Amino acid sequence: MPQQEGLDLFEREKRTAEEQIAAAWQLHVESVQELLERGWQQHLSRALEERFQAFREAFARELESRVERRLEQELARAASASARALGEKLNQIARRLAHAEKAADWAAALLDGALEFAPRAVLFSISGGKVRYEDHRAAPGFELRRIPQLPASLDHAPAFQNVVQTLDAVISLASAGELGLEFSEALDGDEEKRVCLLPVISVGRDGARRVSAVLYVESGDDPVDLNLLEVITALAGPALEALQASGAASPDRAPVIPILPSAPVPAPAAAASAPEAPEWSALPREEQELHAKAQRFARVRVAEIRLYHAKKVREGREVRNIYAILKEEIDRSRAQFRHEFFRVPSMIDYLHLEILRTLANDDATLLGPDYPGPLA
């Protein structure tokens, strides 16, 4: 019996030990499994985070690269379009200067071109040691205080004298001491405002280069591009030489373009219908400005007809019926002129004068029998 009891005790202890070992193993397995699971999640999370971080960085680099390439393409397109537009403007100005048949056409082309790049442009002629106002263009807000009436001696206008002596552009104060009292007051000059004077250079019969005219320009809130304006005045010089060579302007002086030119000497058939220019000095300043704008409108509109409908103009002259060939363009211009400028009793039909002078070469019979004549 004692031996049996010893065996039973051994078996019980063995089973107990086996259970303890099994329990310990189970605990170990659970612990290892927990560690494995927790480590897997941490490793996976880290792997995903690293992967997505790399993806974000690659995506950001690719997006930045594509945006940069697209921006470069758009900037290149914009620069190309801007260059084409600028080239078209300069080409149109050059064509108008080259096609000018008379001094007034030349001056209008120069000033209209300058107005594309500056809010105020004023043309002065240089002759006999004097500076004389010829014409101007101004954006809204930059209208002249008044039209300069008297020429100034170069001795009393040092800025102009400097241009004549150096044959180069001059940056000057708009003071009376630099521009002369008459011009400084008309141009709202003061001791603080700076303006630019650009020479129009032509070659005389003696082969010498000289300043025939000066283009005055000033800027507004944004600075003007003087390089472009110098290109325009450089184009204007040879065009002026061509006019001088053809006899359209005096070879010894710059062209004179009065603000209110007297009516041209008409052909007998048109003598009764040619309006007379009003007395300039008797007009109020507001009416002077309206007359100046009306003249500019007439010059520009007729110049556009000559530029864009040159074949029709030639054909109209050949058949001696310009109005029949250009009826649509002329009627549209007449209607606009009447609407915009016939607001004061002193207004005359500058458009008619310009059509007669420029399109018909002062020969009213070339306009044709149906031409309605000047506006009432």
Protein backbone atom coordinates (compact mmCIF):
# COMPACT_ATOMS: atom_id res chain seq x y z
CA MET A 1 0.00 0.00 0.00
CA PRO A 2 2.69 2.52 0.83
CA GLN A 3 4.28 1.79 -2.51
CA GLN A 4 0.97 2.38 -4.29
CA GLU A 5 0.42 5.61 -2.49
CA GLY A 6 3.91 6.72 -3.52
CA LEU A 7 3.13 5.97 -7.12
CA ASP A 8 -0.15 7.87 -6.95
CA LEU A 9 1.63 10.85 -5.41
CA PHE A 10 4.19 10.81 -8.19
CA GLU A 11 1.49 10.72 -10.82
CA ARG A 12 -0.35 13.62 -9.24
CA GLU A 13 2.79 15.70 -9.07
CA LYS A 14 3.61 14.79 -12.66
CA ARG A 15 0.20 15.85 -13.88
CA THR A 16 0.42 19.02 -11.85
CA ALA A 17 3.82 19.77 -13.34
CA GLU A 18 2.50 19.06 -16.83
CA GLU A 19 -0.42 21.43 -16.27
CA GLN A 20 1.90 24.09 -14.97
CA ILE A 21 4.21 23.62 -17.94
CA ALA A 22 1.21 23.73 -20.32
CA ALA A 23 -0.05 26.86 -18.61
CA ALA A 24 3.39 28.43 -18.74
CA TRP A 25 3.66 27.56 -22.43
CA GLN A 26 0.24 28.99 -23.09
CA LEU A 27 1.22 32.17 -21.29
CA HIS A 28 4.41 32.29 -23.29
CA VAL A 29 2.56 31.71 -26.56
CA GLU A 30 0.01 34.39 -25.70
CA SER A 31 2.77 36.77 -24.74
CA VAL A 32 4.71 36.07 -27.93
CA GLN A 33 1.56 36.38 -30.04
CA GLU A 34 0.75 39.70 -28.40
CA LEU A 35 4.26 40.94 -29.01
CA LEU A 36 4.13 39.74 -32.61
CA GLU A 37 0.79 41.40 -33.25
CA ARG A 38 1.80 44.64 -31.60
CA GLY A 39 5.10 44.73 -33.43
CA TRP A 40 3.40 44.00 -36.78
CA GLN A 41 1.00 46.88 -36.40
CA GLN A 42 3.77 49.22 -35.43
CA HIS A 43 5.95 48.09 -38.32
CA LEU A 44 3.08 48.26 -40.76
CA SER A 45 2.08 51.72 -39.57
CA ARG A 46 5.65 52.91 -39.90
CA ALA A 47 5.99 51.36 -43.32
CA LEU A 48 2.75 52.97 -44.49
CA GLU A 49 3.70 56.34 -43.03
CA GLU A 50 7.09 56.24 -44.72
CA ARG A 51 5.52 55.14 -47.97
CA PHE A 52 2.85 57.83 -47.97
CA GLN A 53 5.38 60.47 -46.92
CA ALA A 54 7.51 59.51 -49.89
CA PHE A 55 4.38 59.61 -52.06
CA ARG A 56 3.44 63.07 -50.76
CA GLU A 57 6.93 64.38 -51.47
CA ALA A 58 6.97 62.85 -54.96
CA PHE A 59 3.47 64.19 -55.66
CA ALA A 60 4.45 67.68 -54.46
CA ARG A 61 7.58 67.64 -56.64
CA GLU A 62 5.63 66.46 -59.67
CA LEU A 63 2.86 69.01 -59.10
CA GLU A 64 5.39 71.82 -58.67
CA SER A 65 7.21 70.71 -61.80
CA ARG A 66 4.04 70.57 -63.85
CA VAL A 67 2.80 73.92 -62.56
CA GLU A 68 6.20 75.45 -63.31
CA ARG A 69 6.19 74.03 -66.84
CA ARG A 70 2.63 75.21 -67.43
CA LEU A 71 3.43 78.64 -66.05
CA GLU A 72 6.48 78.87 -68.29
CA GLN A 73 4.35 77.89 -71.28
CA GLU A 74 1.66 80.43 -70.44
CA LEU A 75 4.25 83.15 -69.83
CA ALA A 76 5.90 82.30 -73.13
CA ARG A 77 2.53 82.48 -74.90
CA ALA A 78 1.71 85.78 -73.19
CA ALA A 79 5.14 87.21 -74.03
CA SER A 80 4.77 86.08 -77.64
CA ALA A 81 1.29 87.58 -77.89
CA SER A 82 2.50 90.82 -76.28
CA ALA A 83 5.46 90.97 -78.67
CA ARG A 84 3.15 90.41 -81.64
CA ALA A 85 0.76 93.10 -80.43
CA LEU A 86 3.64 95.52 -79.89
CA GLY A 87 5.05 94.67 -83.30
CA GLU A 88 1.66 95.29 -84.89
CA LYS A 89 1.39 98.67 -83.17
CA LEU A 90 4.86 99.74 -84.27
CA ASN A 91 4.21 98.45 -87.78
CA GLN A 92 0.97 100.41 -88.02
CA ILE A 93 2.70 103.56 -86.78
CA ALA A 94 5.55 103.06 -89.25
CA ARG A 95 3.10 102.53 -92.11
CA ARG A 96 1.15 105.67 -91.25
CA LEU A 97 4.35 107.70 -91.07
CA ALA A 98 5.65 106.27 -94.32
CA HIS A 99 2.33 106.83 -96.14
CA ALA A 100 1.89 110.40 -94.92
CA GLU A 101 1.49 112.68 -97.90
CA LYS A 102 1.28 115.93 -95.97
CA ALA A 103 2.76 117.38 -92.82
CA ALA A 104 -0.50 117.14 -90.88
CA ASP A 105 -0.76 113.41 -91.65
CA TRP A 106 2.81 112.89 -90.50
CA ALA A 107 2.23 114.78 -87.24
CA ALA A 108 -1.02 112.91 -86.56
CA ALA A 109 0.69 109.55 -87.10
CA LEU A 110 3.55 110.49 -84.76
CA LEU A 111 1.29 111.78 -81.98
CA ASP A 112 -1.24 108.96 -82.23
CA GLY A 113 1.62 106.49 -82.02
CA ALA A 114 3.12 108.22 -78.98
CA LEU A 115 -0.25 108.21 -77.23
CA GLU A 116 -0.18 104.40 -77.34
CA PHE A 117 2.69 104.51 -74.83
CA ALA A 118 2.32 107.81 -72.93
CA PRO A 119 -0.73 109.65 -71.56
CA ARG A 120 0.37 113.01 -72.95
CA ALA A 121 2.39 113.73 -76.08
CA VAL A 122 3.03 117.20 -77.51
CA LEU A 123 4.75 118.00 -80.79
CA PHE A 124 6.95 121.08 -81.14
CA SER A 125 8.69 122.25 -84.30
CA ILE A 126 12.17 123.76 -84.27
CA SER A 127 12.91 126.52 -86.76
CA GLY A 128 14.90 129.72 -86.85
CA GLY A 129 16.08 129.37 -83.28
CA LYS A 130 12.51 129.10 -81.99
CA VAL A 131 10.30 126.37 -80.57
CA ARG A 132 6.69 126.34 -81.66
CA TYR A 133 3.77 124.25 -80.47
CA GLU A 134 2.19 122.23 -83.29
CA ASP A 135 -0.28 119.68 -81.93
CA HIS A 136 -0.83 117.24 -79.08
CA ARG A 137 -2.59 114.11 -77.88
CA ALA A 138 -3.75 113.51 -74.32
CA ALA A 139 -5.49 110.72 -72.45
CA PRO A 140 -8.42 111.61 -70.15
CA GLY A 141 -7.13 113.55 -67.19
CA PHE A 142 -4.06 114.75 -69.08
CA GLU A 143 -5.66 117.41 -71.27
CA LEU A 144 -3.65 120.62 -71.71
CA ARG A 145 -4.55 123.48 -69.44
CA ARG A 146 -4.49 125.66 -72.56
CA ILE A 147 -2.98 125.65 -76.02
CA PRO A 148 0.38 127.48 -76.18
CA GLN A 149 -0.04 130.42 -78.53
CA LEU A 150 3.42 131.97 -78.69
CA PRO A 151 6.70 130.43 -79.86
CA ALA A 152 9.66 130.48 -77.49
CA SER A 153 13.26 131.28 -78.20
CA LEU A 154 15.64 128.38 -77.67
CA ASP A 155 17.63 130.71 -75.44
CA HIS A 156 14.66 130.86 -73.07
CA ALA A 157 13.92 127.12 -73.24
CA PRO A 158 17.16 125.40 -72.17
CA ALA A 159 15.69 121.89 -72.24
CA PHE A 160 14.76 122.23 -75.92
CA GLN A 161 18.12 123.84 -76.65
CA ASN A 162 19.85 120.85 -75.05
CA VAL A 163 17.95 118.47 -77.34
CA VAL A 164 18.93 120.50 -80.40
CA GLN A 165 22.58 120.63 -79.40
CA THR A 166 22.99 116.97 -78.38
CA LEU A 167 20.59 115.38 -80.91
CA ASP A 168 19.54 113.13 -78.04
CA ALA A 169 16.66 112.61 -75.65
CA VAL A 170 16.65 114.83 -72.58
CA ILE A 171 14.99 114.26 -69.21
CA SER A 172 14.00 117.66 -67.86
CA LEU A 173 12.07 119.39 -65.13
CA ALA A 174 8.79 120.85 -66.40
CA SER A 175 9.67 124.22 -64.91
CA ALA A 176 9.54 127.61 -66.58
CA GLY A 177 13.32 127.80 -66.33
CA GLU A 178 13.68 124.66 -68.46
CA LEU A 179 10.71 124.74 -70.85
CA GLY A 180 10.01 128.45 -71.00
CA LEU A 181 7.16 130.21 -69.19
CA GLU A 182 4.55 129.84 -71.97
CA PHE A 183 5.06 126.09 -72.40
CA SER A 184 5.49 125.34 -68.70
CA GLU A 185 2.19 126.97 -67.79
CA ALA A 186 0.29 125.26 -70.59
CA LEU A 187 1.77 121.88 -69.68
CA ASP A 188 1.05 122.16 -65.93
CA GLY A 189 4.76 122.37 -65.27
CA ASP A 190 6.39 122.72 -61.89
CA GLU A 191 9.74 122.22 -60.18
CA GLU A 192 8.95 118.59 -59.27
CA LYS A 193 7.53 117.07 -62.45
CA ARG A 194 9.96 115.40 -64.83
CA VAL A 195 9.28 115.03 -68.55
CA CYS A 196 11.15 113.71 -71.55
CA LEU A 197 11.95 115.53 -74.78
CA LEU A 198 12.78 113.31 -77.76
CA PRO A 199 14.30 114.64 -80.97
CA VAL A 200 12.94 113.99 -84.44
CA ILE A 201 16.10 114.09 -86.53
CA SER A 202 16.20 114.68 -90.25
CA VAL A 203 19.03 115.23 -92.73
CA GLY A 204 19.07 118.50 -94.63
CA ARG A 205 20.23 119.22 -98.15
CA ASP A 206 23.72 119.85 -96.81
CA GLY A 207 23.82 116.31 -95.38
CA ALA A 208 23.85 117.55 -91.78
CA ARG A 209 21.67 115.92 -89.15
CA ARG A 210 19.50 118.34 -87.24
CA VAL A 211 16.49 118.36 -84.95
CA SER A 212 13.41 119.35 -86.94
CA ALA A 213 10.88 118.63 -84.20
CA VAL A 214 10.72 117.62 -80.56
CA LEU A 215 8.26 115.17 -79.07
CA TYR A 216 7.39 116.04 -75.46
CA VAL A 217 6.05 113.12 -73.38
CA GLU A 218 5.19 112.68 -69.73
CA SER A 219 4.06 109.73 -67.67
CA GLY A 220 1.16 109.08 -65.33
CA ASP A 221 1.16 106.65 -62.44
CA ASP A 222 3.25 104.17 -64.41
CA PRO A 223 6.55 105.10 -66.08
CA VAL A 224 6.61 105.28 -69.87
CA ASP A 225 8.86 103.10 -71.99
CA LEU A 226 11.23 105.64 -73.51
CA ASN A 227 12.85 102.94 -75.66
CA LEU A 228 9.62 102.48 -77.61
CA LEU A 229 9.10 106.22 -77.92
CA GLU A 230 12.62 106.63 -79.24
CA VAL A 231 11.86 103.96 -81.84
CA ILE A 232 8.80 105.96 -82.93
CA THR A 233 10.72 109.23 -83.24
CA ALA A 234 13.47 107.36 -85.09
CA LEU A 235 10.85 106.16 -87.59
CA ALA A 236 9.40 109.66 -87.83
CA GLY A 237 12.70 111.25 -88.92
CA PRO A 238 13.10 109.44 -92.28
CA ALA A 239 9.38 109.88 -92.97
CA LEU A 240 9.79 113.62 -92.47
CA GLU A 241 12.80 113.59 -94.78
CA ALA A 242 10.69 111.94 -97.47
CA LEU A 243 8.06 114.65 -97.09
CA GLN A 244 10.70 117.34 -97.31
CA ALA A 245 12.26 115.72 -100.35
CA SER A 246 8.90 115.51 -102.11
CA GLY A 247 8.20 119.15 -101.42
CA ALA A 248 5.19 118.39 -99.21
CA ALA A 249 6.95 120.32 -96.46
CA SER A 250 9.51 123.07 -96.67
CA PRO A 251 13.02 121.58 -96.95
CA ASP A 252 14.41 124.18 -94.59
CA ARG A 253 12.08 123.73 -91.63
CA ALA A 254 9.80 121.32 -89.85
CA PRO A 255 6.18 121.16 -90.95
CA VAL A 256 3.72 123.61 -89.49
CA ILE A 257 0.44 122.03 -88.38
CA PRO A 258 -1.88 124.75 -87.07
CA ILE A 259 -4.43 123.73 -84.46
CA LEU A 260 -7.12 125.52 -86.41
CA PRO A 261 -6.01 125.52 -90.05
CA SER A 262 -7.79 127.82 -92.37
CA ALA A 263 -10.05 126.18 -94.91
CA PRO A 264 -8.11 124.94 -97.93
CA VAL A 265 -8.42 126.75 -101.20
CA PRO A 266 -11.20 124.74 -102.85
CA ALA A 267 -11.98 124.03 -106.44
CA PRO A 268 -14.59 126.42 -107.83
CA ALA A 269 -17.36 123.84 -107.47
CA ALA A 270 -16.70 123.54 -103.74
CA ALA A 271 -15.97 127.18 -102.96
CA ALA A 272 -19.49 127.94 -101.78
CA SER A 273 -19.64 124.92 -99.52
CA ALA A 274 -16.28 125.22 -97.73
CA PRO A 275 -16.85 126.37 -94.12
CA GLU A 276 -14.74 129.10 -92.60
CA ALA A 277 -12.66 128.46 -89.51
CA PRO A 278 -13.72 130.44 -86.43
CA GLU A 279 -11.50 133.04 -84.79
CA TRP A 280 -9.42 130.93 -82.39
CA SER A 281 -8.67 133.59 -79.82
CA ALA A 282 -12.37 134.44 -79.48
CA LEU A 283 -13.36 130.91 -78.48
CA PRO A 284 -13.71 129.84 -74.82
CA ARG A 285 -11.15 127.30 -73.65
CA GLU A 286 -13.74 124.48 -73.63
CA GLU A 287 -14.63 125.16 -77.26
CA GLN A 288 -10.95 125.35 -78.21
CA GLU A 289 -10.44 121.89 -76.75
CA LEU A 290 -13.54 120.55 -78.55
CA HIS A 291 -12.28 121.99 -81.85
CA ALA A 292 -8.88 120.40 -81.27
CA LYS A 293 -10.50 117.01 -80.57
CA ALA A 294 -12.69 117.37 -83.66
CA GLN A 295 -9.66 118.05 -85.82
CA ARG A 296 -7.86 115.06 -84.39
CA PHE A 297 -10.90 112.85 -85.03
CA ALA A 298 -11.01 114.03 -88.64
CA ARG A 299 -7.30 113.44 -89.23
CA VAL A 300 -7.32 110.00 -87.64
CA ARG A 301 -10.50 108.83 -89.36
CA VAL A 302 -9.39 109.93 -92.83
CA ALA A 303 -5.91 108.48 -92.22
CA GLU A 304 -7.56 105.16 -91.32
CA ILE A 305 -9.59 105.25 -94.53
CA ARG A 306 -6.42 105.87 -96.54
CA LEU A 307 -4.55 103.14 -94.66
CA TYR A 308 -7.14 100.37 -94.68
CA HIS A 309 -8.98 101.22 -97.93
CA ALA A 310 -6.11 102.43 -100.11
CA LYS A 311 -7.35 100.57 -103.20
CA LYS A 312 -10.82 102.08 -102.86
CA VAL A 313 -9.34 105.57 -102.46
CA ARG A 314 -7.29 105.11 -105.61
CA GLU A 315 -10.26 103.70 -107.50
CA GLY A 316 -12.48 106.55 -106.32
CA ARG A 317 -9.99 109.12 -107.57
CA GLU A 318 -9.66 107.34 -110.90
CA VAL A 319 -13.41 107.27 -111.54
CA ARG A 320 -13.81 110.73 -109.95
CA ASN A 321 -16.41 109.47 -107.49
CA ILE A 322 -14.74 108.84 -104.13
CA TYR A 323 -18.02 109.06 -102.24
CA ALA A 324 -19.68 106.30 -104.27
CA ILE A 325 -16.75 103.94 -103.65
CA LEU A 326 -16.33 104.79 -99.94
CA LYS A 327 -19.91 105.70 -99.08
CA GLU A 328 -20.20 103.33 -96.11
CA GLU A 329 -16.97 104.49 -94.46
CA ILE A 330 -17.64 108.19 -95.11
CA ASP A 331 -21.26 108.10 -93.91
CA ARG A 332 -20.30 106.25 -90.74
CA SER A 333 -17.58 108.82 -90.00
CA ARG A 334 -19.92 111.74 -90.72
CA ALA A 335 -22.55 110.37 -88.36
CA GLN A 336 -20.03 109.92 -85.57
CA PHE A 337 -18.54 113.38 -86.15
CA ARG A 338 -21.99 114.99 -86.00
CA HIS A 339 -22.90 113.11 -82.82
CA GLU A 340 -19.66 113.85 -80.94
CA PHE A 341 -18.73 117.38 -81.99
CA PHE A 342 -21.66 119.42 -83.29
CA ARG A 343 -22.52 120.60 -79.79
CA VAL A 344 -21.39 124.24 -80.10
CA PRO A 345 -22.39 126.89 -82.67
CA SER A 346 -18.76 127.56 -83.62
CA MET A 347 -18.10 123.96 -84.74
CA ILE A 348 -17.31 123.42 -88.41
CA ASP A 349 -17.04 120.24 -90.40
CA TYR A 350 -13.35 119.41 -90.05
CA LEU A 351 -14.10 115.93 -91.36
CA HIS A 352 -15.31 117.42 -94.64
CA LEU A 353 -12.21 119.60 -94.85
CA GLU A 354 -9.96 116.59 -94.25
CA ILE A 355 -11.83 114.45 -96.81
CA LEU A 356 -11.61 117.23 -99.38
CA ARG A 357 -7.95 117.99 -98.65
CA THR A 358 -6.57 114.48 -98.21
CA LEU A 359 -8.81 112.09 -100.11
CA ALA A 360 -9.74 114.44 -102.97
CA ASN A 361 -6.46 116.39 -103.08
CA ASP A 362 -8.43 119.66 -102.81
CA ASP A 363 -10.41 118.78 -105.95
CA ALA A 364 -14.09 118.67 -104.98
CA THR A 365 -15.04 117.10 -108.31
CA LEU A 366 -13.24 113.91 -107.27
CA LEU A 367 -15.78 113.41 -104.49
CA GLY A 368 -18.54 112.77 -107.03
CA PRO A 369 -21.95 114.30 -107.68
CA ASP A 370 -23.66 112.52 -104.78
CA TYR A 371 -21.28 113.68 -102.06
CA PRO A 372 -23.51 115.52 -99.53
CA GLY A 373 -20.99 118.26 -98.74
CA PRO A 374 -20.17 119.65 -95.27
CA LEU A 375 -22.44 119.00 -92.31
CA ALA A 376 -24.72 121.88 -91.45
